[in-house]
Amino acid sequence: MLKEQAAWRRGDEEIALTWRGKRRSEPGTDLPAGFPALTELAALKLPYTKVEDLLGPTPEQSADVEELAAAGLPRKLAREVIAALTEL
């Protein structure tokens, strides 16, 4: 996900979509039904659809309210997502 994020920031859509395809082909755990802002997370330019998208490869790289807000999620929903993430 980090490489896809970097490509979007650079404005390199082709590379970003290549990284997205790779990311989607990797195994992961879908966000559970009833997870806050599930539809909104999936609709972002950089979609978050798996638990691993939010957790990141290390705890230091987990999504936070600022990252989700920068991605286009309203702060209130971003706070709800992060709160629910701690419950998983």
PDB file of N, CA and C in Angstrom:
ATOM      1  N   MET A   1       0.818  -1.184   0.000  1.00  0.00           N
ATOM      2  CA  MET A   1       0.000   0.000   0.000  1.00  0.00           C
ATOM      3  C   MET A   1       0.868   1.256   0.000  1.00  0.00           C
ATOM      4  N   LEU A   2       1.997   1.219   0.687  1.00  0.00           N
ATOM      5  CA  LEU A   2       2.852   2.404   0.773  1.00  0.00           C
ATOM      6  C   LEU A   2       3.384   2.827  -0.592  1.00  0.00           C
ATOM      7  N   LYS A   3       3.722   1.854  -1.437  1.00  0.00           N
ATOM      8  CA  LYS A   3       4.209   2.186  -2.777  1.00  0.00           C
ATOM      9  C   LYS A   3       3.089   2.765  -3.628  1.00  0.00           C
ATOM     10  N   GLU A   4       1.879   2.265  -3.460  1.00  0.00           N
ATOM     11  CA  GLU A   4       0.733   2.823  -4.180  1.00  0.00           C
ATOM     12  C   GLU A   4       0.483   4.259  -3.724  1.00  0.00           C
ATOM     13  N   GLN A   5       0.542   4.491  -2.419  1.00  0.00           N
ATOM     14  CA  GLN A   5       0.362   5.847  -1.895  1.00  0.00           C
ATOM     15  C   GLN A   5       1.396   6.804  -2.485  1.00  0.00           C
ATOM     16  N   ALA A   6       2.643   6.374  -2.509  1.00  0.00           N
ATOM     17  CA  ALA A   6       3.717   7.229  -3.029  1.00  0.00           C
ATOM     18  C   ALA A   6       3.489   7.541  -4.503  1.00  0.00           C
ATOM     19  N   ALA A   7       3.050   6.567  -5.277  1.00  0.00           N
ATOM     20  CA  ALA A   7       2.794   6.800  -6.700  1.00  0.00           C
ATOM     21  C   ALA A   7       1.658   7.788  -6.903  1.00  0.00           C
ATOM     22  N   TRP A   8       0.598   7.682  -6.097  1.00  0.00           N
ATOM     23  CA  TRP A   8      -0.502   8.654  -6.196  1.00  0.00           C
ATOM     24  C   TRP A   8      -0.013  10.058  -5.853  1.00  0.00           C
ATOM     25  N   ARG A   9       0.813  10.169  -4.814  1.00  0.00           N
ATOM     26  CA  ARG A   9       1.331  11.494  -4.430  1.00  0.00           C
ATOM     27  C   ARG A   9       2.166  12.109  -5.551  1.00  0.00           C
ATOM     28  N   ARG A  10       2.890  11.264  -6.285  1.00  0.00           N
ATOM     29  CA  ARG A  10       3.695  11.747  -7.411  1.00  0.00           C
ATOM     30  C   ARG A  10       2.838  12.031  -8.640  1.00  0.00           C
ATOM     31  N   GLY A  11       1.590  11.599  -8.607  1.00  0.00           N
ATOM     32  CA  GLY A  11       0.709  11.783  -9.758  1.00  0.00           C
ATOM     33  C   GLY A  11       0.909  10.732 -10.834  1.00  0.00           C
ATOM     34  N   ASP A  12       1.521   9.611 -10.474  1.00  0.00           N
ATOM     35  CA  ASP A  12       1.808   8.536 -11.427  1.00  0.00           C
ATOM     36  C   ASP A  12       0.716   7.478 -11.339  1.00  0.00           C
ATOM     37  N   GLU A  13      -0.388   7.733 -12.024  1.00  0.00           N
ATOM     38  CA  GLU A  13      -1.555   6.859 -11.935  1.00  0.00           C
ATOM     39  C   GLU A  13      -1.258   5.444 -12.433  1.00  0.00           C
ATOM     40  N   GLU A  14      -0.518   5.312 -13.526  1.00  0.00           N
ATOM     41  CA  GLU A  14      -0.229   3.985 -14.077  1.00  0.00           C
ATOM     42  C   GLU A  14       0.522   3.115 -13.073  1.00  0.00           C
ATOM     43  N   ILE A  15       1.535   3.677 -12.442  1.00  0.00           N
ATOM     44  CA  ILE A  15       2.296   2.923 -11.435  1.00  0.00           C
ATOM     45  C   ILE A  15       1.417   2.636 -10.223  1.00  0.00           C
ATOM     46  N   ALA A  16       0.623   3.623  -9.806  1.00  0.00           N
ATOM     47  CA  ALA A  16      -0.258   3.420  -8.650  1.00  0.00           C
ATOM     48  C   ALA A  16      -1.226   2.271  -8.899  1.00  0.00           C
ATOM     49  N   LEU A  17      -1.802   2.232 -10.089  1.00  0.00           N
ATOM     50  CA  LEU A  17      -2.755   1.165 -10.387  1.00  0.00           C
ATOM     51  C   LEU A  17      -2.065  -0.193 -10.511  1.00  0.00           C
ATOM     52  N   THR A  18      -0.821  -0.192 -10.964  1.00  0.00           N
ATOM     53  CA  THR A  18      -0.048  -1.437 -10.996  1.00  0.00           C
ATOM     54  C   THR A  18       0.159  -1.958  -9.583  1.00  0.00           C
ATOM     55  N   TRP A  19       0.562  -1.061  -8.671  1.00  0.00           N
ATOM     56  CA  TRP A  19       0.755  -1.469  -7.274  1.00  0.00           C
ATOM     57  C   TRP A  19      -0.569  -1.910  -6.654  1.00  0.00           C
ATOM     58  N   ARG A  20      -1.681  -1.249  -7.027  1.00  0.00           N
ATOM     59  CA  ARG A  20      -2.987  -1.655  -6.496  1.00  0.00           C
ATOM     60  C   ARG A  20      -3.315  -3.081  -6.932  1.00  0.00           C
ATOM     61  N   GLY A  21      -3.084  -3.390  -8.202  1.00  0.00           N
ATOM     62  CA  GLY A  21      -3.339  -4.752  -8.687  1.00  0.00           C
ATOM     63  C   GLY A  21      -2.532  -5.780  -7.926  1.00  0.00           C
ATOM     64  N   LYS A  22      -1.269  -5.461  -7.675  1.00  0.00           N
ATOM     65  CA  LYS A  22      -0.411  -6.372  -6.910  1.00  0.00           C
ATOM     66  C   LYS A  22      -0.950  -6.538  -5.487  1.00  0.00           C
ATOM     67  N   ARG A  23      -1.312  -5.422  -4.872  1.00  0.00           N
ATOM     68  CA  ARG A  23      -1.824  -5.458  -3.502  1.00  0.00           C
ATOM     69  C   ARG A  23      -3.106  -6.281  -3.411  1.00  0.00           C
ATOM     70  N   ARG A  24      -3.993  -6.100  -4.368  1.00  0.00           N
ATOM     71  CA  ARG A  24      -5.266  -6.838  -4.341  1.00  0.00           C
ATOM     72  C   ARG A  24      -5.076  -8.329  -4.579  1.00  0.00           C
ATOM     73  N   SER A  25      -4.004  -8.694  -5.270  1.00  0.00           N
ATOM     74  CA  SER A  25      -3.780 -10.116  -5.535  1.00  0.00           C
ATOM     75  C   SER A  25      -3.185 -10.846  -4.335  1.00  0.00           C
ATOM     76  N   GLU A  26      -2.692 -10.095  -3.367  1.00  0.00           N
ATOM     77  CA  GLU A  26      -2.112 -10.712  -2.173  1.00  0.00           C
ATOM     78  C   GLU A  26      -3.218 -11.108  -1.196  1.00  0.00           C
ATOM     79  N   PRO A  27      -3.011 -12.198  -0.464  1.00  0.00           N
ATOM     80  CA  PRO A  27      -4.029 -12.605   0.503  1.00  0.00           C
ATOM     81  C   PRO A  27      -4.160 -11.572   1.622  1.00  0.00           C
ATOM     82  N   GLY A  28      -5.331 -11.496   2.156  1.00  0.00           N
ATOM     83  CA  GLY A  28      -5.578 -10.584   3.262  1.00  0.00           C
ATOM     84  C   GLY A  28      -6.956 -10.836   3.834  1.00  0.00           C
ATOM     85  N   THR A  29      -7.255 -10.138   4.893  1.00  0.00           N
ATOM     86  CA  THR A  29      -8.532 -10.303   5.580  1.00  0.00           C
ATOM     87  C   THR A  29      -9.436  -9.136   5.234  1.00  0.00           C
ATOM     88  N   ASP A  30     -10.572  -9.423   4.588  1.00  0.00           N
ATOM     89  CA  ASP A  30     -11.518  -8.361   4.262  1.00  0.00           C
ATOM     90  C   ASP A  30     -11.990  -7.682   5.540  1.00  0.00           C
ATOM     91  N   LEU A  31     -12.205  -6.380   5.454  1.00  0.00           N
ATOM     92  CA  LEU A  31     -12.798  -5.676   6.590  1.00  0.00           C
ATOM     93  C   LEU A  31     -14.168  -6.290   6.854  1.00  0.00           C
ATOM     94  N   PRO A  32     -14.509  -6.522   8.106  1.00  0.00           N
ATOM     95  CA  PRO A  32     -15.767  -7.220   8.407  1.00  0.00           C
ATOM     96  C   PRO A  32     -16.996  -6.379   8.096  1.00  0.00           C
ATOM     97  N   ALA A  33     -18.070  -7.064   7.778  1.00  0.00           N
ATOM     98  CA  ALA A  33     -19.358  -6.395   7.588  1.00  0.00           C
ATOM     99  C   ALA A  33     -19.675  -5.617   8.856  1.00  0.00           C
ATOM    100  N   GLY A  34     -20.208  -4.449   8.703  1.00  0.00           N
ATOM    101  CA  GLY A  34     -20.529  -3.625   9.858  1.00  0.00           C
ATOM    102  C   GLY A  34     -19.373  -2.751  10.327  1.00  0.00           C
ATOM    103  N   PHE A  35     -18.195  -2.894   9.699  1.00  0.00           N
ATOM    104  CA  PHE A  35     -17.058  -2.049  10.058  1.00  0.00           C
ATOM    105  C   PHE A  35     -17.401  -0.611   9.695  1.00  0.00           C
ATOM    106  N   PRO A  36     -17.064   0.367  10.548  1.00  0.00           N
ATOM    107  CA  PRO A  36     -17.413   1.758  10.257  1.00  0.00           C
ATOM    108  C   PRO A  36     -16.855   2.224   8.916  1.00  0.00           C
ATOM    109  N   ALA A  37     -17.675   2.953   8.186  1.00  0.00           N
ATOM    110  CA  ALA A  37     -17.287   3.602   6.935  1.00  0.00           C
ATOM    111  C   ALA A  37     -16.775   2.611   5.892  1.00  0.00           C
ATOM    112  N   LEU A  38     -17.262   1.399   5.916  1.00  0.00           N
ATOM    113  CA  LEU A  38     -16.799   0.359   4.997  1.00  0.00           C
ATOM    114  C   LEU A  38     -16.943   0.803   3.536  1.00  0.00           C
ATOM    115  N   THR A  39     -18.097   1.322   3.185  1.00  0.00           N
ATOM    116  CA  THR A  39     -18.344   1.770   1.810  1.00  0.00           C
ATOM    117  C   THR A  39     -17.456   2.954   1.450  1.00  0.00           C
ATOM    118  N   GLU A  40     -17.326   3.885   2.376  1.00  0.00           N
ATOM    119  CA  GLU A  40     -16.513   5.076   2.124  1.00  0.00           C
ATOM    120  C   GLU A  40     -15.028   4.726   1.974  1.00  0.00           C
ATOM    121  N   LEU A  41     -14.554   3.796   2.791  1.00  0.00           N
ATOM    122  CA  LEU A  41     -13.156   3.367   2.698  1.00  0.00           C
ATOM    123  C   LEU A  41     -12.873   2.732   1.337  1.00  0.00           C
ATOM    124  N   ALA A  42     -13.796   1.920   0.858  1.00  0.00           N
ATOM    125  CA  ALA A  42     -13.608   1.240  -0.425  1.00  0.00           C
ATOM    126  C   ALA A  42     -13.697   2.197  -1.604  1.00  0.00           C
ATOM    127  N   ALA A  43     -14.377   3.333  -1.421  1.00  0.00           N
ATOM    128  CA  ALA A  43     -14.582   4.286  -2.518  1.00  0.00           C
ATOM    129  C   ALA A  43     -13.469   5.330  -2.634  1.00  0.00           C
ATOM    130  N   LEU A  44     -12.529   5.346  -1.697  1.00  0.00           N
ATOM    131  CA  LEU A  44     -11.441   6.318  -1.755  1.00  0.00           C
ATOM    132  C   LEU A  44     -10.541   6.052  -2.951  1.00  0.00           C
ATOM    133  N   LYS A  45      -9.848   7.082  -3.414  1.00  0.00           N
ATOM    134  CA  LYS A  45      -8.902   6.920  -4.522  1.00  0.00           C
ATOM    135  C   LYS A  45      -7.888   5.828  -4.193  1.00  0.00           C
ATOM    136  N   LEU A  46      -7.455   5.792  -2.946  1.00  0.00           N
ATOM    137  CA  LEU A  46      -6.598   4.729  -2.437  1.00  0.00           C
ATOM    138  C   LEU A  46      -7.479   3.905  -1.504  1.00  0.00           C
ATOM    139  N   PRO A  47      -8.162   2.872  -2.039  1.00  0.00           N
ATOM    140  CA  PRO A  47      -9.154   2.154  -1.235  1.00  0.00           C
ATOM    141  C   PRO A  47      -8.540   1.289  -0.131  1.00  0.00           C
ATOM    142  N   TYR A  48      -9.235   1.285   0.969  1.00  0.00           N
ATOM    143  CA  TYR A  48      -8.891   0.433   2.110  1.00  0.00           C
ATOM    144  C   TYR A  48      -9.984  -0.620   2.185  1.00  0.00           C
ATOM    145  N   THR A  49      -9.658  -1.854   1.821  1.00  0.00           N
ATOM    146  CA  THR A  49     -10.672  -2.909   1.806  1.00  0.00           C
ATOM    147  C   THR A  49     -10.294  -4.107   2.666  1.00  0.00           C
ATOM    148  N   LYS A  50      -9.043  -4.146   3.093  1.00  0.00           N
ATOM    149  CA  LYS A  50      -8.573  -5.261   3.917  1.00  0.00           C
ATOM    150  C   LYS A  50      -8.041  -4.733   5.246  1.00  0.00           C
ATOM    151  N   VAL A  51      -8.094  -5.573   6.245  1.00  0.00           N
ATOM    152  CA  VAL A  51      -7.547  -5.213   7.551  1.00  0.00           C
ATOM    153  C   VAL A  51      -6.092  -4.785   7.400  1.00  0.00           C
ATOM    154  N   GLU A  52      -5.358  -5.508   6.564  1.00  0.00           N
ATOM    155  CA  GLU A  52      -3.938  -5.222   6.374  1.00  0.00           C
ATOM    156  C   GLU A  52      -3.698  -3.849   5.742  1.00  0.00           C
ATOM    157  N   ASP A  53      -4.667  -3.330   4.977  1.00  0.00           N
ATOM    158  CA  ASP A  53      -4.543  -1.985   4.409  1.00  0.00           C
ATOM    159  C   ASP A  53      -4.457  -0.950   5.519  1.00  0.00           C
ATOM    160  N   LEU A  54      -5.195  -1.186   6.585  1.00  0.00           N
ATOM    161  CA  LEU A  54      -5.211  -0.250   7.702  1.00  0.00           C
ATOM    162  C   LEU A  54      -4.070  -0.487   8.682  1.00  0.00           C
ATOM    163  N   LEU A  55      -3.724  -1.764   8.886  1.00  0.00           N
ATOM    164  CA  LEU A  55      -2.680  -2.081   9.856  1.00  0.00           C
ATOM    165  C   LEU A  55      -1.282  -1.778   9.340  1.00  0.00           C
ATOM    166  N   GLY A  56      -1.077  -1.875   8.041  1.00  0.00           N
ATOM    167  CA  GLY A  56       0.251  -1.654   7.499  1.00  0.00           C
ATOM    168  C   GLY A  56       1.182  -2.798   7.841  1.00  0.00           C
ATOM    169  N   PRO A  57       2.384  -2.776   7.265  1.00  0.00           N
ATOM    170  CA  PRO A  57       3.321  -3.868   7.508  1.00  0.00           C
ATOM    171  C   PRO A  57       3.909  -3.874   8.921  1.00  0.00           C
ATOM    172  N   THR A  58       3.920  -2.724   9.578  1.00  0.00           N
ATOM    173  CA  THR A  58       4.408  -2.629  10.954  1.00  0.00           C
ATOM    174  C   THR A  58       3.465  -1.724  11.735  1.00  0.00           C
ATOM    175  N   PRO A  59       3.443  -1.824  13.053  1.00  0.00           N
ATOM    176  CA  PRO A  59       2.577  -0.938  13.845  1.00  0.00           C
ATOM    177  C   PRO A  59       2.835   0.546  13.573  1.00  0.00           C
ATOM    178  N   GLU A  60       4.080   0.895  13.323  1.00  0.00           N
ATOM    179  CA  GLU A  60       4.416   2.305  13.057  1.00  0.00           C
ATOM    180  C   GLU A  60       3.826   2.785  11.741  1.00  0.00           C
ATOM    181  N   GLN A  61       3.487   1.861  10.852  1.00  0.00           N
ATOM    182  CA  GLN A  61       2.958   2.222   9.542  1.00  0.00           C
ATOM    183  C   GLN A  61       1.448   2.014   9.444  1.00  0.00           C
ATOM    184  N   SER A  62       0.795   1.778  10.561  1.00  0.00           N
ATOM    185  CA  SER A  62      -0.659   1.646  10.562  1.00  0.00           C
ATOM    186  C   SER A  62      -1.297   2.979  10.211  1.00  0.00           C
ATOM    187  N   ALA A  63      -2.455   2.883   9.587  1.00  0.00           N
ATOM    188  CA  ALA A  63      -3.196   4.101   9.254  1.00  0.00           C
ATOM    189  C   ALA A  63      -3.579   4.834  10.532  1.00  0.00           C
ATOM    190  N   ASP A  64      -3.686   6.136  10.430  1.00  0.00           N
ATOM    191  CA  ASP A  64      -4.165   6.942  11.549  1.00  0.00           C
ATOM    192  C   ASP A  64      -5.197   7.929  11.011  1.00  0.00           C
ATOM    193  N   VAL A  65      -5.766   8.711  11.905  1.00  0.00           N
ATOM    194  CA  VAL A  65      -6.815   9.657  11.508  1.00  0.00           C
ATOM    195  C   VAL A  65      -6.296  10.600  10.432  1.00  0.00           C
ATOM    196  N   GLU A  66      -5.071  11.088  10.586  1.00  0.00           N
ATOM    197  CA  GLU A  66      -4.520  12.031   9.611  1.00  0.00           C
ATOM    198  C   GLU A  66      -4.413  11.409   8.219  1.00  0.00           C
ATOM    199  N   GLU A  67      -3.923  10.172   8.150  1.00  0.00           N
ATOM    200  CA  GLU A  67      -3.789   9.497   6.852  1.00  0.00           C
ATOM    201  C   GLU A  67      -5.149   9.318   6.192  1.00  0.00           C
ATOM    202  N   LEU A  68      -6.125   8.853   6.959  1.00  0.00           N
ATOM    203  CA  LEU A  68      -7.451   8.621   6.395  1.00  0.00           C
ATOM    204  C   LEU A  68      -8.112   9.923   5.969  1.00  0.00           C
ATOM    205  N   ALA A  69      -7.924  10.972   6.755  1.00  0.00           N
ATOM    206  CA  ALA A  69      -8.480  12.277   6.392  1.00  0.00           C
ATOM    207  C   ALA A  69      -7.802  12.809   5.126  1.00  0.00           C
ATOM    208  N   ALA A  70      -6.494  12.638   5.020  1.00  0.00           N
ATOM    209  CA  ALA A  70      -5.776  13.075   3.820  1.00  0.00           C
ATOM    210  C   ALA A  70      -6.233  12.285   2.592  1.00  0.00           C
ATOM    211  N   ALA A  71      -6.658  11.051   2.811  1.00  0.00           N
ATOM    212  CA  ALA A  71      -7.143  10.220   1.705  1.00  0.00           C
ATOM    213  C   ALA A  71      -8.560  10.608   1.279  1.00  0.00           C
ATOM    214  N   GLY A  72      -9.227  11.444   2.086  1.00  0.00           N
ATOM    215  CA  GLY A  72     -10.551  11.929   1.719  1.00  0.00           C
ATOM    216  C   GLY A  72     -11.685  11.499   2.631  1.00  0.00           C
ATOM    217  N   LEU A  73     -11.379  10.768   3.678  1.00  0.00           N
ATOM    218  CA  LEU A  73     -12.414  10.336   4.615  1.00  0.00           C
ATOM    219  C   LEU A  73     -12.662  11.461   5.627  1.00  0.00           C
ATOM    220  N   PRO A  74     -13.909  11.813   5.878  1.00  0.00           N
ATOM    221  CA  PRO A  74     -14.177  12.834   6.897  1.00  0.00           C
ATOM    222  C   PRO A  74     -13.571  12.428   8.245  1.00  0.00           C
ATOM    223  N   ARG A  75     -13.081  13.403   8.984  1.00  0.00           N
ATOM    224  CA  ARG A  75     -12.384  13.123  10.248  1.00  0.00           C
ATOM    225  C   ARG A  75     -13.233  12.321  11.237  1.00  0.00           C
ATOM    226  N   LYS A  76     -14.516  12.613  11.304  1.00  0.00           N
ATOM    227  CA  LYS A  76     -15.380  11.877  12.233  1.00  0.00           C
ATOM    228  C   LYS A  76     -15.369  10.389  11.884  1.00  0.00           C
ATOM    229  N   LEU A  77     -15.504  10.090  10.593  1.00  0.00           N
ATOM    230  CA  LEU A  77     -15.462   8.682  10.174  1.00  0.00           C
ATOM    231  C   LEU A  77     -14.073   8.091  10.377  1.00  0.00           C
ATOM    232  N   ALA A  78     -13.040   8.884  10.123  1.00  0.00           N
ATOM    233  CA  ALA A  78     -11.669   8.399  10.317  1.00  0.00           C
ATOM    234  C   ALA A  78     -11.452   8.009  11.778  1.00  0.00           C
ATOM    235  N   ARG A  79     -11.960   8.805  12.709  1.00  0.00           N
ATOM    236  CA  ARG A  79     -11.827   8.474  14.129  1.00  0.00           C
ATOM    237  C   ARG A  79     -12.574   7.182  14.461  1.00  0.00           C
ATOM    238  N   GLU A  80     -13.762   7.006  13.866  1.00  0.00           N
ATOM    239  CA  GLU A  80     -14.533   5.782  14.108  1.00  0.00           C
ATOM    240  C   GLU A  80     -13.790   4.560  13.565  1.00  0.00           C
ATOM    241  N   VAL A  81     -13.181   4.705  12.397  1.00  0.00           N
ATOM    242  CA  VAL A  81     -12.432   3.596  11.792  1.00  0.00           C
ATOM    243  C   VAL A  81     -11.258   3.199  12.689  1.00  0.00           C
ATOM    244  N   ILE A  82     -10.492   4.188  13.146  1.00  0.00           N
ATOM    245  CA  ILE A  82      -9.327   3.887  13.981  1.00  0.00           C
ATOM    246  C   ILE A  82      -9.760   3.256  15.301  1.00  0.00           C
ATOM    247  N   ALA A  83     -10.854   3.736  15.866  1.00  0.00           N
ATOM    248  CA  ALA A  83     -11.365   3.147  17.107  1.00  0.00           C
ATOM    249  C   ALA A  83     -11.774   1.689  16.874  1.00  0.00           C
ATOM    250  N   ALA A  84     -12.436   1.421  15.756  1.00  0.00           N
ATOM    251  CA  ALA A  84     -12.862   0.049  15.457  1.00  0.00           C
ATOM    252  C   ALA A  84     -11.660  -0.836  15.141  1.00  0.00           C
ATOM    253  N   LEU A  85     -10.648  -0.265  14.544  1.00  0.00           N
ATOM    254  CA  LEU A  85      -9.434  -1.032  14.220  1.00  0.00           C
ATOM    255  C   LEU A  85      -8.779  -1.568  15.488  1.00  0.00           C
ATOM    256  N   THR A  86      -8.801  -0.788  16.535  1.00  0.00           N
ATOM    257  CA  THR A  86      -8.190  -1.242  17.794  1.00  0.00           C
ATOM    258  C   THR A  86      -8.976  -2.388  18.416  1.00  0.00           C
ATOM    259  N   GLU A  87     -10.233  -2.565  17.987  1.00  0.00           N
ATOM    260  CA  GLU A  87     -11.069  -3.642  18.515  1.00  0.00           C
ATOM    261  C   GLU A  87     -10.879  -4.957  17.752  1.00  0.00           C
ATOM    262  N   LEU A  88     -10.231  -4.889  16.586  1.00  0.00           N
ATOM    263  CA  LEU A  88     -10.046  -6.126  15.782  1.00  0.00           C
ATOM    264  C   LEU A  88      -8.985  -7.005  16.400  1.00  0.00           C
TER     265      LEU A  88
END
